[in-house]
Amino acid sequence: MMLTAGVALALAVTGCSSSNGGGNADNKTNAGNAGGKSGSPVEITFWNMFGGGEGDFVDQIIKGFNDSQQEVIVKQLRLESNEYYAKLGTALSSSKGPDVAVAHVDRLSPFVKAKQIVPVDELASKVGFDLGQISESNITSVTYDGKPYAVPLDTHFHMLYYNKDILKKANLLNDDETPKLDNVSPEGYLNTLAQIKTAVPDVQAMAVNTPYFQEPFLNMYYEAGGDILSPDLKKAAINNDKALSVLKFYDDIYTKQYADINDKNPWDTFSNGKAAFWFGGVWEAGVLLGDASKHIGAMPLPAIFGSQTHWGSSHTLVIPSYVSAEKQEAAAKFMKYFSEVGGQTWGNAGHVPANSKVTASEEYNKLPYRQFFIEAQKTVKFAPQTDNYTTIITTIAESLQNIIFHNESAEDGLKDLEKQINEILAN
């Protein structure tokens, strides 16, 4: 799953599978002989990395599309997340691979620069797909030189999940079963964690995603108004007092033992009722909110560092440049279906659909806490549009690990990180 902020990371509930899915292609070929322009349906290959529960939803969407018409058959190839982009990159370079594929929004820039994927606006128009249905922030995130190069499927980000039973024991649960967070500031939040530790000492006051610490760090750093790069994307902008304040905040959480820095599976810790708070992905909603016996609630991340801005990413669909015109149009029809119809199914996975008609629907809003998901989506900050983002976020992740485990001071670590990012940008 994950994330995800440029690096496809397998977190909480997302698994991967190498099995193929979709509808029964043999049966559909016979059923669709009269539907295609050449007398038989156009078959396209769809690559993705979705496993576990997400994969089940994708299977439903593909089957729904294949069953809904007789012009196009989608056959999918599901790859392991840790090898997905290496194989996709090779496919795009060699012009041998999928006809349509999933790509995280922070992976698009090098594909666009190399002209390996095509703009989607004219194709969308040709198949009657109104891209105006896609939220403005999502369309902007995939736009280069005025052209959208992908169809955003969703936005994914973190929410504040909370264990109602633990908060109740700590006298921190309101009558409406929301957390008592009266003083929203670093100091106020730490005081809340202290109350939890005192009242319920046998749990973590907060499970922190230490294995992928770059994400909880970026949440608070973006709240503080921080940026990874300068506005012209040519220099690092992460060595500053804002980053230092966020690192001190998390260091306090660890050193005061509100969270266990050595917890290798913090998502399980929270899910199993052993932590009060968790900055967790919307993709975990099915597990955390779908089981009423867990007594878990969700809300947007509080503005601990002054704003609601927080880290986020997005799954998108792209069409490689080598794909024939006939198959490009077929892929566009699948994109339209995935966004307009499949978006309802995809919303059950926890991701906030990018199609505004889906998020405005009664069906979507009946899902638990989705009004808060929609609220939080409005203040997401996507990755900078640089060809080097994958290398940069990997470098950030490694440097932050050194800092939080005190292998170097925060001041020295940020200084070294700034130097490394600038070297990446210079090459």
Foldseek 3Di string as FASTA:
>chain_A
DYDYQLQRDDADQWFFDQDKAAADVVVLQVVQQCFAPVRTAAEFEEEEAGDDPLVVLVRVLRNCVSVVGRHYHYIYGHDHSNCRVVVVVVCLVVVHDGQKYKDWLLQCQVCVVVQFFDFCPVLCVVLVFDLVLFDPVVQVSQDDPRTRFWRFFFKKAWWKKFQLVLQVQLVQADPVRDGNQPPQALVSVVVQLVSSCVRPVQAQQEEAQLLQNLAVLQFQLVLLVFAQADPVRQFGGQQDVSSVVSLVSVLCSPVVRSYPNPDNRSSVCVLVPRYGIYGDMLLCCCSNVVDVVRRMDIAQDGSHNHGSAHAMMTMTMTGTPSNDPVSNSVVSNSSSSCQPPSSLSSVSSRGGTSRNVNLPDPSSVVPPPVVRVVVSVVRYDGHDSDNCVSVLSVLVSVLSSCDSVPVDDPNVSSVVSRVVSNVSSVD
